[in-house]
Amino acid sequence: MSAFVELNGISGAAYRYRYYPAPLDLPAVAGTYLVLQTRGEGWELKTIGALSSLAFLGRDWPAGADERVYLRLNVARAGRRQEFDDLIAAYPASLAAPEPDWR
């Protein structure tokens, strides 16, 4: 998989996420994240989430051995929420992280 992945929301807007290899030194800024599972030459989307500080993701690093975490930094709460809602409308709602953090 590449260093970047791009998903389109139901609105048609494209959101670009960057691969993060490990939970160490995650930025303490707000953002959204994806967990992708490798599938041969491609990938499958497993989770869409949002946090007020991506550093919290390191406590419960969601990725298994064949999964990767991709981040998108977006500090403004309204932007995070709009992006999250746009993506969840385009993909199955079951992919939403259990408790998005909108603080």
N, C-alpha and C. Protein backbone atom coordinates (compact mmCIF):
# COMPACT_ATOMS: atom_id res chain seq x y z
N MET A 1 0.85 -1.18 0.00
CA MET A 1 0.00 0.00 0.00
C MET A 1 0.89 1.24 0.00
N SER A 2 0.34 2.31 -0.48
CA SER A 2 1.13 3.53 -0.62
C SER A 2 1.14 4.36 0.67
N ALA A 3 1.90 5.42 0.64
CA ALA A 3 2.01 6.33 1.79
C ALA A 3 0.75 7.18 1.96
N PHE A 4 -0.04 7.29 0.90
CA PHE A 4 -1.27 8.08 0.94
C PHE A 4 -2.43 7.27 0.38
N VAL A 5 -3.61 7.53 0.89
CA VAL A 5 -4.83 6.95 0.35
C VAL A 5 -5.86 8.06 0.32
N GLU A 6 -6.71 8.03 -0.69
CA GLU A 6 -7.72 9.07 -0.84
C GLU A 6 -9.10 8.41 -0.89
N LEU A 7 -10.02 8.93 -0.08
CA LEU A 7 -11.40 8.46 -0.09
C LEU A 7 -12.31 9.61 -0.49
N ASN A 8 -13.39 9.28 -1.17
CA ASN A 8 -14.39 10.27 -1.54
C ASN A 8 -15.60 10.13 -0.64
N GLY A 9 -16.09 11.25 -0.15
CA GLY A 9 -17.31 11.26 0.65
C GLY A 9 -18.52 11.20 -0.27
N ILE A 10 -19.70 11.12 0.31
CA ILE A 10 -20.95 11.08 -0.45
C ILE A 10 -21.12 12.37 -1.26
N SER A 11 -20.52 13.47 -0.77
CA SER A 11 -20.61 14.76 -1.46
C SER A 11 -19.74 14.82 -2.70
N GLY A 12 -18.82 13.86 -2.84
CA GLY A 12 -17.85 13.88 -3.94
C GLY A 12 -16.52 14.47 -3.53
N ALA A 13 -16.47 15.09 -2.35
CA ALA A 13 -15.21 15.66 -1.86
C ALA A 13 -14.20 14.53 -1.63
N ALA A 14 -12.94 14.81 -1.97
CA ALA A 14 -11.86 13.82 -1.78
C ALA A 14 -11.09 14.18 -0.52
N TYR A 15 -10.79 13.17 0.28
CA TYR A 15 -10.04 13.35 1.52
C TYR A 15 -8.80 12.48 1.45
N ARG A 16 -7.64 13.10 1.60
CA ARG A 16 -6.36 12.39 1.51
C ARG A 16 -5.80 12.13 2.90
N TYR A 17 -5.46 10.87 3.15
CA TYR A 17 -4.92 10.42 4.42
C TYR A 17 -3.49 9.92 4.24
N ARG A 18 -2.67 10.13 5.28
CA ARG A 18 -1.27 9.73 5.24
C ARG A 18 -1.03 8.55 6.17
N TYR A 19 -0.29 7.57 5.70
CA TYR A 19 0.04 6.39 6.48
C TYR A 19 0.91 6.75 7.68
N TYR A 20 0.60 6.18 8.83
CA TYR A 20 1.39 6.35 10.03
C TYR A 20 1.83 4.96 10.49
N PRO A 21 3.14 4.67 10.50
CA PRO A 21 3.61 3.31 10.74
C PRO A 21 3.53 2.80 12.18
N ALA A 22 3.47 3.67 13.16
CA ALA A 22 3.49 3.21 14.56
C ALA A 22 2.81 4.23 15.45
N PRO A 23 2.38 3.80 16.64
CA PRO A 23 1.67 4.71 17.52
C PRO A 23 2.56 5.71 18.25
N LEU A 24 3.85 5.55 18.13
CA LEU A 24 4.74 6.47 18.82
C LEU A 24 4.75 7.83 18.14
N ASP A 25 4.82 8.85 18.93
CA ASP A 25 4.93 10.23 18.43
C ASP A 25 3.79 10.64 17.52
N LEU A 26 2.61 10.17 17.79
CA LEU A 26 1.46 10.66 17.03
C LEU A 26 1.23 12.12 17.39
N PRO A 27 0.82 12.92 16.44
CA PRO A 27 0.62 14.35 16.73
C PRO A 27 -0.52 14.57 17.71
N ALA A 28 -0.32 15.50 18.63
CA ALA A 28 -1.34 15.83 19.63
C ALA A 28 -2.26 16.91 19.08
N VAL A 29 -2.76 16.69 17.88
CA VAL A 29 -3.70 17.60 17.24
C VAL A 29 -4.93 16.79 16.82
N ALA A 30 -6.01 17.49 16.59
CA ALA A 30 -7.25 16.83 16.19
C ALA A 30 -7.16 16.33 14.76
N GLY A 31 -7.91 15.28 14.49
CA GLY A 31 -7.94 14.76 13.14
C GLY A 31 -8.85 13.56 13.00
N THR A 32 -8.92 13.08 11.80
CA THR A 32 -9.67 11.86 11.52
C THR A 32 -8.67 10.78 11.12
N TYR A 33 -9.09 9.54 11.24
CA TYR A 33 -8.20 8.44 10.90
C TYR A 33 -8.96 7.31 10.25
N LEU A 34 -8.21 6.49 9.53
CA LEU A 34 -8.74 5.30 8.89
C LEU A 34 -7.90 4.11 9.31
N VAL A 35 -8.51 2.97 9.45
CA VAL A 35 -7.78 1.72 9.60
C VAL A 35 -8.10 0.90 8.35
N LEU A 36 -7.04 0.55 7.62
CA LEU A 36 -7.18 -0.24 6.39
C LEU A 36 -6.52 -1.59 6.58
N GLN A 37 -7.15 -2.62 6.05
CA GLN A 37 -6.58 -3.97 6.11
C GLN A 37 -6.10 -4.34 4.72
N THR A 38 -4.89 -4.85 4.63
CA THR A 38 -4.35 -5.23 3.33
C THR A 38 -5.12 -6.44 2.80
N ARG A 39 -5.37 -6.42 1.50
CA ARG A 39 -6.06 -7.49 0.79
C ARG A 39 -5.34 -7.71 -0.54
N GLY A 40 -4.37 -8.61 -0.55
CA GLY A 40 -3.60 -8.83 -1.77
C GLY A 40 -2.88 -7.56 -2.17
N GLU A 41 -3.16 -7.09 -3.37
CA GLU A 41 -2.55 -5.85 -3.87
C GLU A 41 -3.31 -4.61 -3.43
N GLY A 42 -4.48 -4.80 -2.83
CA GLY A 42 -5.31 -3.66 -2.44
C GLY A 42 -5.52 -3.60 -0.95
N TRP A 43 -6.65 -3.02 -0.54
CA TRP A 43 -6.97 -2.85 0.86
C TRP A 43 -8.48 -2.82 1.05
N GLU A 44 -8.89 -3.01 2.30
CA GLU A 44 -10.29 -2.93 2.70
C GLU A 44 -10.39 -1.96 3.87
N LEU A 45 -11.34 -1.06 3.80
CA LEU A 45 -11.57 -0.09 4.86
C LEU A 45 -12.22 -0.79 6.05
N LYS A 46 -11.60 -0.65 7.24
CA LYS A 46 -12.11 -1.29 8.45
C LYS A 46 -12.74 -0.31 9.43
N THR A 47 -12.17 0.90 9.56
CA THR A 47 -12.66 1.87 10.55
C THR A 47 -12.46 3.29 10.05
N ILE A 48 -13.43 4.15 10.36
CA ILE A 48 -13.31 5.60 10.17
C ILE A 48 -13.53 6.21 11.54
N GLY A 49 -12.58 7.04 12.01
CA GLY A 49 -12.70 7.62 13.34
C GLY A 49 -12.26 9.07 13.38
N ALA A 50 -12.57 9.72 14.49
CA ALA A 50 -12.20 11.12 14.70
C ALA A 50 -11.84 11.31 16.17
N LEU A 51 -10.79 12.10 16.42
CA LEU A 51 -10.32 12.35 17.79
C LEU A 51 -9.93 13.81 17.97
N SER A 52 -10.09 14.30 19.19
CA SER A 52 -9.65 15.66 19.49
C SER A 52 -8.13 15.73 19.58
N SER A 53 -7.49 14.59 19.85
CA SER A 53 -6.02 14.49 19.84
C SER A 53 -5.66 13.11 19.31
N LEU A 54 -5.00 13.08 18.17
CA LEU A 54 -4.61 11.80 17.59
C LEU A 54 -3.61 11.06 18.47
N ALA A 55 -2.98 11.76 19.42
CA ALA A 55 -2.07 11.09 20.35
C ALA A 55 -2.81 10.05 21.18
N PHE A 56 -4.12 10.23 21.39
CA PHE A 56 -4.90 9.24 22.13
C PHE A 56 -4.96 7.90 21.40
N LEU A 57 -4.80 7.93 20.11
CA LEU A 57 -4.85 6.71 19.31
C LEU A 57 -3.75 5.75 19.72
N GLY A 58 -2.64 6.26 20.20
CA GLY A 58 -1.52 5.43 20.63
C GLY A 58 -1.85 4.54 21.81
N ARG A 59 -2.78 4.96 22.65
CA ARG A 59 -3.16 4.15 23.82
C ARG A 59 -3.85 2.86 23.41
N ASP A 60 -4.69 2.94 22.42
CA ASP A 60 -5.44 1.77 21.94
C ASP A 60 -5.21 1.62 20.44
N TRP A 61 -3.95 1.49 20.07
CA TRP A 61 -3.58 1.39 18.65
C TRP A 61 -4.45 0.35 17.98
N PRO A 62 -5.28 0.75 17.02
CA PRO A 62 -6.28 -0.15 16.47
C PRO A 62 -5.79 -1.13 15.42
N ALA A 63 -4.56 -1.01 14.99
CA ALA A 63 -4.12 -1.82 13.86
C ALA A 63 -3.56 -3.17 14.28
N GLY A 64 -4.00 -4.20 13.56
CA GLY A 64 -3.43 -5.53 13.74
C GLY A 64 -2.25 -5.69 12.78
N ALA A 65 -1.71 -6.88 12.69
CA ALA A 65 -0.52 -7.15 11.89
C ALA A 65 -0.72 -6.82 10.41
N ASP A 66 -1.92 -7.05 9.89
CA ASP A 66 -2.16 -6.79 8.47
C ASP A 66 -2.99 -5.53 8.25
N GLU A 67 -2.98 -4.63 9.23
CA GLU A 67 -3.73 -3.39 9.14
C GLU A 67 -2.79 -2.19 9.22
N ARG A 68 -3.24 -1.09 8.62
CA ARG A 68 -2.48 0.16 8.64
C ARG A 68 -3.38 1.30 9.06
N VAL A 69 -2.79 2.26 9.76
CA VAL A 69 -3.53 3.45 10.19
C VAL A 69 -3.09 4.64 9.34
N TYR A 70 -4.07 5.36 8.82
CA TYR A 70 -3.85 6.56 8.02
C TYR A 70 -4.50 7.74 8.74
N LEU A 71 -3.81 8.88 8.76
CA LEU A 71 -4.27 10.07 9.48
C LEU A 71 -4.54 11.23 8.53
N ARG A 72 -5.46 12.07 8.97
CA ARG A 72 -5.70 13.35 8.30
C ARG A 72 -5.85 14.38 9.41
N LEU A 73 -4.95 15.33 9.43
CA LEU A 73 -4.98 16.36 10.46
C LEU A 73 -5.97 17.44 10.06
N ASN A 74 -6.94 17.69 10.90
CA ASN A 74 -7.91 18.76 10.66
C ASN A 74 -8.39 19.25 12.02
N VAL A 75 -7.81 20.33 12.43
CA VAL A 75 -7.98 20.83 13.79
C VAL A 75 -9.38 21.35 14.07
N ALA A 76 -10.00 21.99 13.12
CA ALA A 76 -11.32 22.59 13.36
C ALA A 76 -12.38 21.50 13.55
N ARG A 77 -13.09 21.57 14.66
CA ARG A 77 -14.11 20.57 14.98
C ARG A 77 -15.16 20.45 13.87
N ALA A 78 -15.62 21.57 13.36
CA ALA A 78 -16.64 21.54 12.31
C ALA A 78 -16.12 20.79 11.07
N GLY A 79 -14.87 21.00 10.73
CA GLY A 79 -14.27 20.31 9.59
C GLY A 79 -14.16 18.81 9.81
N ARG A 80 -13.75 18.41 11.02
CA ARG A 80 -13.65 16.98 11.35
C ARG A 80 -15.01 16.31 11.27
N ARG A 81 -15.97 16.96 11.87
CA ARG A 81 -17.32 16.37 11.90
C ARG A 81 -17.92 16.27 10.50
N GLN A 82 -17.75 17.31 9.70
CA GLN A 82 -18.28 17.30 8.33
C GLN A 82 -17.63 16.19 7.52
N GLU A 83 -16.32 16.08 7.64
CA GLU A 83 -15.58 15.04 6.90
C GLU A 83 -16.02 13.64 7.35
N PHE A 84 -16.10 13.43 8.64
CA PHE A 84 -16.53 12.14 9.20
C PHE A 84 -17.93 11.79 8.69
N ASP A 85 -18.87 12.73 8.80
CA ASP A 85 -20.24 12.49 8.35
C ASP A 85 -20.31 12.21 6.86
N ASP A 86 -19.50 12.94 6.08
CA ASP A 86 -19.46 12.76 4.63
C ASP A 86 -18.96 11.35 4.27
N LEU A 87 -17.93 10.90 4.97
CA LEU A 87 -17.39 9.56 4.69
C LEU A 87 -18.33 8.46 5.17
N ILE A 88 -18.92 8.62 6.34
CA ILE A 88 -19.84 7.60 6.85
C ILE A 88 -21.07 7.49 5.95
N ALA A 89 -21.48 8.59 5.34
CA ALA A 89 -22.61 8.54 4.41
C ALA A 89 -22.24 7.78 3.14
N ALA A 90 -20.96 7.77 2.78
CA ALA A 90 -20.51 7.10 1.56
C ALA A 90 -20.14 5.64 1.79
N TYR A 91 -19.83 5.29 3.01
CA TYR A 91 -19.39 3.94 3.35
C TYR A 91 -20.31 3.40 4.44
N PRO A 92 -20.30 2.10 4.67
CA PRO A 92 -21.20 1.54 5.70
C PRO A 92 -20.99 2.19 7.07
N ALA A 93 -22.09 2.55 7.71
CA ALA A 93 -22.01 3.19 9.03
C ALA A 93 -21.34 2.28 10.05
N SER A 94 -21.32 0.99 9.81
CA SER A 94 -20.67 0.06 10.75
C SER A 94 -19.17 0.29 10.83
N LEU A 95 -18.60 1.07 9.90
CA LEU A 95 -17.17 1.36 9.92
C LEU A 95 -16.83 2.49 10.88
N ALA A 96 -17.83 3.18 11.39
CA ALA A 96 -17.57 4.31 12.29
C ALA A 96 -16.95 3.82 13.59
N ALA A 97 -15.91 4.53 14.05
CA ALA A 97 -15.32 4.22 15.35
C ALA A 97 -16.43 4.36 16.40
N PRO A 98 -16.36 3.58 17.48
CA PRO A 98 -17.45 3.58 18.46
C PRO A 98 -17.80 4.94 19.05
N GLU A 99 -16.80 5.76 19.32
CA GLU A 99 -17.07 7.05 19.97
C GLU A 99 -16.20 8.16 19.38
N PRO A 100 -16.61 8.75 18.26
CA PRO A 100 -15.83 9.87 17.75
C PRO A 100 -15.75 10.97 18.82
N ASP A 101 -14.62 11.61 18.90
CA ASP A 101 -14.37 12.64 19.91
C ASP A 101 -14.43 14.01 19.24
N TRP A 102 -15.49 14.77 19.51
CA TRP A 102 -15.68 16.07 18.83
C TRP A 102 -15.20 17.24 19.65
N ARG A 103 -14.54 17.02 20.80
CA ARG A 103 -14.07 18.16 21.60
C ARG A 103 -13.14 19.03 20.82
